[in-house]
């Protein structure tokens, strides 16, 4: 059964700041529904992430897609500026990337908006910032718990790329989380795996070596801690293969990944 969708812009309290979010609710929803926090890629709260939230709502879930860049980052981190900043960092040496003074020198001839984007992006790529976002998203879970449509014990998370790592980190810092899905995201801190209560599903691409190569370490840490972790690697699939607005999209793998995600949430959160 596919549900109609009611959409709205909402806000919630994060870790010391207010965040805006996109909310998609099954039309005519009563109470007791499961809910999902849908976590953005590095590009921001783009239409693709809103579309994923709507897909969940059509399946009977209340879906909240927070804008992690709420505030000045929204202006400084447009998708175009993020793309240019990523290109700059990929072309810079490891020495330049690691040394703030050398990075600033390499950026000296760039326009101020590009400098700002590179410096913010460098920060976004750190485990510390991902964990800071996860602490913000504890507030998203608490917001959903108070929604009249939501069963407060049936809330999960799903994230993509940067958001995949944040989904894993949210499972570390939010004991109320009932399930977490990682789409090609970085591992959470392995020494904090014992803090995870939620079952976790990982979705990865075979060609995404930098991410997928570290998954066995997470699998081992989860197994040793007695945690529920299952994952699937799609042969020939690159990073971000689920995003149907980007060149890396792989229709067959994305369709199967969506099926696995719905089955996992159906098992862990219910319908």
Protein backbone atom coordinates (compact mmCIF):
# COMPACT_ATOMS: atom_id res chain seq x y z
CA UNK A 1 0.00 0.00 0.00
CA UNK A 2 1.34 3.44 -0.97
CA UNK A 3 0.34 6.38 1.19
CA UNK A 4 -0.24 9.98 0.19
CA UNK A 5 2.23 12.42 1.70
CA UNK A 6 1.96 15.57 3.77
CA UNK A 7 5.09 17.77 3.67
CA UNK A 8 6.21 20.60 5.93
CA UNK A 9 9.25 22.53 7.13
CA UNK A 10 9.92 22.15 10.85
CA UNK A 11 12.69 22.87 13.33
CA UNK A 12 14.11 21.07 16.34
CA UNK A 13 16.73 21.64 19.00
CA UNK A 14 20.09 20.02 18.33
CA UNK A 15 23.19 20.05 20.49
CA UNK A 16 23.19 23.71 21.48
CA UNK A 17 21.60 25.00 18.27
CA UNK A 18 18.33 24.95 16.37
CA UNK A 19 18.16 23.01 13.11
CA UNK A 20 15.66 23.20 10.27
CA UNK A 21 14.30 20.03 8.69
CA UNK A 22 12.01 18.66 6.03
CA UNK A 23 9.20 16.45 7.35
CA UNK A 24 7.22 13.94 5.27
CA UNK A 25 4.26 12.22 6.94
CA UNK A 26 1.87 9.59 5.54
CA UNK A 27 -1.37 11.37 4.67
CA UNK A 28 -4.05 11.00 7.32
CA UNK A 29 -1.61 9.36 9.72
CA UNK A 30 -2.95 8.52 13.13
CA UNK A 31 -0.59 7.51 15.89
CA UNK A 32 1.87 4.73 16.50
CA UNK A 33 3.85 4.94 13.25
CA UNK A 34 7.54 4.12 12.90
CA UNK A 35 9.84 6.98 11.93
CA UNK A 36 13.15 7.46 10.16
CA UNK A 37 15.76 10.23 10.35
CA UNK A 38 17.08 10.67 6.79
CA UNK A 39 20.62 12.08 6.87
CA UNK A 40 22.01 14.15 4.01
CA UNK A 41 25.08 13.66 1.86
CA UNK A 42 27.89 16.21 1.88
CA UNK A 43 25.98 18.21 -0.76
CA UNK A 44 23.44 19.33 1.84
CA UNK A 45 19.68 18.90 2.14
CA UNK A 46 19.14 18.55 -1.60
CA UNK A 47 15.99 17.49 -3.42
CA UNK A 48 17.29 13.92 -3.64
CA UNK A 49 17.27 13.59 0.16
CA UNK A 50 13.79 15.10 0.34
CA UNK A 51 12.72 12.57 -2.28
CA UNK A 52 14.10 9.71 -0.17
CA UNK A 53 12.11 11.06 2.80
CA UNK A 54 8.97 11.05 0.64
CA UNK A 55 9.66 7.47 -0.40
CA UNK A 56 9.71 6.45 3.24
CA UNK A 57 6.49 8.36 3.93
CA UNK A 58 4.83 6.58 1.00
CA UNK A 59 5.77 3.32 2.75
CA UNK A 60 4.11 4.39 6.00
CA UNK A 61 7.02 5.94 7.91
CA UNK A 62 7.24 9.44 9.33
CA UNK A 63 10.46 10.77 7.75
CA UNK A 64 12.52 13.71 9.02
CA UNK A 65 15.41 15.04 6.90
CA UNK A 66 17.42 17.54 8.98
CA UNK A 67 19.43 20.36 7.41
CA UNK A 68 22.82 19.92 9.05
CA UNK A 69 24.04 23.11 7.40
CA UNK A 70 21.36 25.26 9.05
CA UNK A 71 22.78 28.77 9.45
CA UNK A 72 25.73 30.34 7.69
CA UNK A 73 26.97 27.05 6.25
CA UNK A 74 23.92 26.94 3.99
CA UNK A 75 25.15 30.01 2.16
CA UNK A 76 28.79 28.96 2.08
CA UNK A 77 28.25 25.30 1.16
CA UNK A 78 26.13 25.36 -1.98
CA UNK A 79 26.51 22.12 -3.99
CA UNK A 80 28.57 23.98 -6.58
CA UNK A 81 31.01 25.31 -3.96
CA UNK A 82 31.24 21.90 -2.32
CA UNK A 83 32.15 20.37 -5.70
CA UNK A 84 34.89 22.96 -6.28
CA UNK A 85 36.22 22.55 -2.74
CA UNK A 86 36.31 18.77 -3.11
CA UNK A 87 38.20 19.15 -6.37
CA UNK A 88 40.74 21.42 -4.71
CA UNK A 89 41.31 19.06 -1.77
CA UNK A 90 41.63 16.03 -4.04
CA UNK A 91 44.33 17.85 -5.99
CA UNK A 92 46.22 19.07 -2.92
CA UNK A 93 49.07 17.05 -1.42
CA UNK A 94 48.60 15.27 1.91
CA UNK A 95 51.09 17.72 3.41
CA UNK A 96 48.96 20.68 2.35
CA UNK A 97 45.76 19.01 3.53
CA UNK A 98 47.18 18.30 6.98
CA UNK A 99 48.93 21.64 7.63
CA UNK A 100 46.54 24.61 8.14
CA UNK A 101 49.28 27.15 7.33
CA UNK A 102 50.22 25.43 4.07
CA UNK A 103 46.55 25.03 3.19
CA UNK A 104 45.94 28.71 3.79
CA UNK A 105 48.95 29.57 1.61
CA UNK A 106 47.69 27.31 -1.20
CA UNK A 107 44.33 29.08 -1.00
CA UNK A 108 45.77 32.60 -0.95
CA UNK A 109 44.89 33.34 -4.59
CA UNK A 110 41.37 31.87 -4.40
CA UNK A 111 38.19 33.95 -3.96
CA UNK A 112 37.02 34.24 -0.36
CA UNK A 113 33.92 32.11 -0.99
CA UNK A 114 36.11 29.26 -2.24
CA UNK A 115 38.45 29.61 0.74
CA UNK A 116 35.50 29.42 3.10
CA UNK A 117 34.11 26.32 1.38
CA UNK A 118 37.45 24.49 1.47
CA UNK A 119 38.06 25.24 5.15
CA UNK A 120 34.53 24.18 6.13
CA UNK A 121 34.73 21.06 3.98
CA UNK A 122 38.04 20.09 5.57
CA UNK A 123 36.32 20.29 8.94
CA UNK A 124 33.27 18.32 7.72
CA UNK A 125 35.48 15.40 6.73
CA UNK A 126 36.76 14.87 10.27
CA UNK A 127 35.40 12.19 12.65
CA UNK A 128 34.95 14.92 15.27
CA UNK A 129 32.53 16.89 13.10
CA UNK A 130 30.56 13.78 12.12
CA UNK A 131 30.14 13.01 15.82
CA UNK A 132 29.07 16.61 16.48
CA UNK A 133 26.37 16.22 13.83
CA UNK A 134 25.31 12.93 15.42
CA UNK A 135 24.84 14.71 18.75
CA UNK A 136 22.66 17.25 16.92
CA UNK A 137 20.57 14.40 15.54
CA UNK A 138 19.83 13.02 18.98
CA UNK A 139 17.58 16.08 19.03
CA UNK A 140 15.94 14.88 15.80
CA UNK A 141 15.11 11.56 17.47
CA UNK A 142 13.68 13.38 20.49
CA UNK A 143 11.64 15.62 18.17
CA UNK A 144 10.14 12.59 16.46
CA UNK A 145 9.41 10.93 19.78
CA UNK A 146 7.14 13.86 20.61
CA UNK A 147 5.24 13.83 17.30
CA UNK A 148 1.67 12.57 17.76
CA UNK A 149 1.98 10.30 14.71
CA UNK A 150 5.09 8.48 15.97
CA UNK A 151 5.63 5.47 18.18
CA UNK A 152 8.59 6.77 20.26
CA UNK A 153 10.13 3.31 20.52
CA UNK A 154 10.29 2.76 16.74
CA UNK A 155 12.69 5.34 15.34
CA UNK A 156 15.60 4.54 13.03
CA UNK A 157 18.12 6.40 10.92
CA UNK A 158 19.50 6.13 7.42
CA UNK A 159 22.32 8.21 5.96
CA UNK A 160 24.18 8.50 2.69
CA UNK A 161 27.90 9.21 2.13
CA UNK A 162 28.81 11.66 4.91
CA UNK A 163 25.36 10.97 6.34
CA UNK A 164 26.07 7.25 6.35
CA UNK A 165 28.91 7.78 8.79
CA UNK A 166 26.69 10.07 10.85
CA UNK A 167 23.98 7.39 10.95
CA UNK A 168 26.56 5.02 12.44
CA UNK A 169 27.69 7.66 14.93
CA UNK A 170 24.07 8.35 15.89
CA UNK A 171 23.74 4.68 16.82
CA UNK A 172 26.69 5.23 19.19
CA UNK A 173 25.36 8.34 20.94
CA UNK A 174 21.61 7.68 20.94
CA UNK A 175 20.58 4.63 22.96
CA UNK A 176 16.91 5.14 21.99
CA UNK A 177 17.65 4.56 18.30
CA UNK A 178 15.96 1.33 17.22
CA UNK A 179 17.78 0.73 13.90
CA UNK A 180 20.46 2.35 11.74
CA UNK A 181 21.33 2.05 8.05
CA UNK A 182 24.71 3.11 6.64
CA UNK A 183 24.89 3.82 2.91
CA UNK A 184 28.62 3.86 2.05
CA UNK A 185 29.60 5.85 5.13
CA UNK A 186 32.67 5.81 7.36
CA UNK A 187 32.81 3.42 10.31
CA UNK A 188 31.93 4.76 13.76
CA UNK A 189 34.77 4.82 16.31
CA UNK A 190 35.46 1.12 16.81
CA UNK A 191 36.25 1.57 20.49
CA UNK A 192 32.69 2.87 20.97
CA UNK A 193 30.92 0.00 19.20
CA UNK A 194 29.92 -1.54 22.58
CA UNK A 195 27.71 1.55 23.12
CA UNK A 196 25.53 0.69 20.11
CA UNK A 197 22.11 -0.73 20.97
CA UNK A 198 20.49 -0.67 17.53
CA UNK A 199 20.75 -3.32 14.83
CA UNK A 200 22.82 -1.89 11.95
CA UNK A 201 22.63 -2.51 8.20
CA UNK A 202 25.50 -1.48 5.93
CA UNK A 203 25.13 -0.91 2.19
CA UNK A 204 28.37 -0.55 0.20
CA UNK A 205 29.79 -0.49 -3.34
CA UNK A 206 32.62 -2.81 -4.34
CA UNK A 207 34.47 -0.04 -6.20
CA UNK A 208 34.28 2.34 -3.23
CA UNK A 209 37.55 0.96 -1.89
CA UNK A 210 38.29 3.62 0.72
CA UNK A 211 34.97 3.00 2.49
CA UNK A 212 34.24 -0.65 1.76
CA UNK A 213 37.77 -1.79 2.62
CA UNK A 214 37.21 -0.83 6.26
CA UNK A 215 33.91 -2.70 6.67
CA UNK A 216 35.46 -5.97 7.88
CA UNK A 217 36.92 -4.06 10.84
CA UNK A 218 33.43 -2.86 11.77
CA UNK A 219 31.98 -6.33 11.27
CA UNK A 220 34.59 -7.80 13.58
CA UNK A 221 34.11 -5.12 16.26
CA UNK A 222 30.32 -5.53 16.16
CA UNK A 223 30.57 -9.33 16.35
CA UNK A 224 33.00 -9.21 19.26
CA UNK A 225 30.69 -6.80 21.11
CA UNK A 226 27.69 -9.06 20.47
CA UNK A 227 25.97 -6.49 18.24
CA UNK A 228 23.65 -7.05 15.27
CA UNK A 229 25.44 -5.99 12.07
CA UNK A 230 24.68 -7.19 8.59
CA UNK A 231 25.96 -5.72 5.35
CA UNK A 232 25.93 -6.12 1.59
CA UNK A 233 28.52 -5.10 -0.99
CA UNK A 234 27.28 -4.51 -4.56
CA UNK A 235 29.70 -5.83 -7.21
CA UNK A 236 30.94 -3.12 -9.56
CA UNK A 237 29.07 -0.35 -7.73
CA UNK A 238 30.89 2.93 -6.99
CA UNK A 239 30.45 5.36 -4.13
CA UNK A 240 27.03 7.10 -4.05
CA UNK A 241 25.43 4.55 -6.38
CA UNK A 242 22.01 5.13 -4.76
CA UNK A 243 21.76 8.82 -5.71
CA UNK A 244 19.70 8.95 -8.90
CA UNK A 245 20.67 12.59 -9.55
CA UNK A 246 24.41 11.89 -9.79
CA UNK A 247 26.62 10.18 -12.41
CA UNK A 248 27.49 7.26 -10.10
CA UNK A 249 23.86 6.07 -9.96
CA UNK A 250 23.40 2.35 -10.61
CA UNK A 251 19.71 1.57 -11.05
CA UNK A 252 19.78 -2.17 -10.36
CA UNK A 253 21.98 -1.92 -7.27
CA UNK A 254 20.00 1.07 -5.95
CA UNK A 255 16.72 -0.79 -6.37
CA UNK A 256 17.99 -3.80 -4.49
CA UNK A 257 19.49 -1.61 -1.76
CA UNK A 258 16.10 0.08 -1.28
CA UNK A 259 14.45 -3.35 -1.00
CA UNK A 260 16.98 -4.44 1.63
CA UNK A 261 16.52 -1.20 3.56
CA UNK A 262 12.73 -1.56 3.66
CA UNK A 263 13.03 -5.20 4.72
CA UNK A 264 15.46 -4.23 7.49
CA UNK A 265 13.23 -1.43 8.79
CA UNK A 266 10.20 -3.68 8.45
CA UNK A 267 11.95 -6.18 10.72
CA UNK A 268 13.37 -3.69 13.23
CA UNK A 269 10.79 -0.87 13.25
CA UNK A 270 7.70 -2.56 11.87
CA UNK A 271 5.14 -1.03 9.54
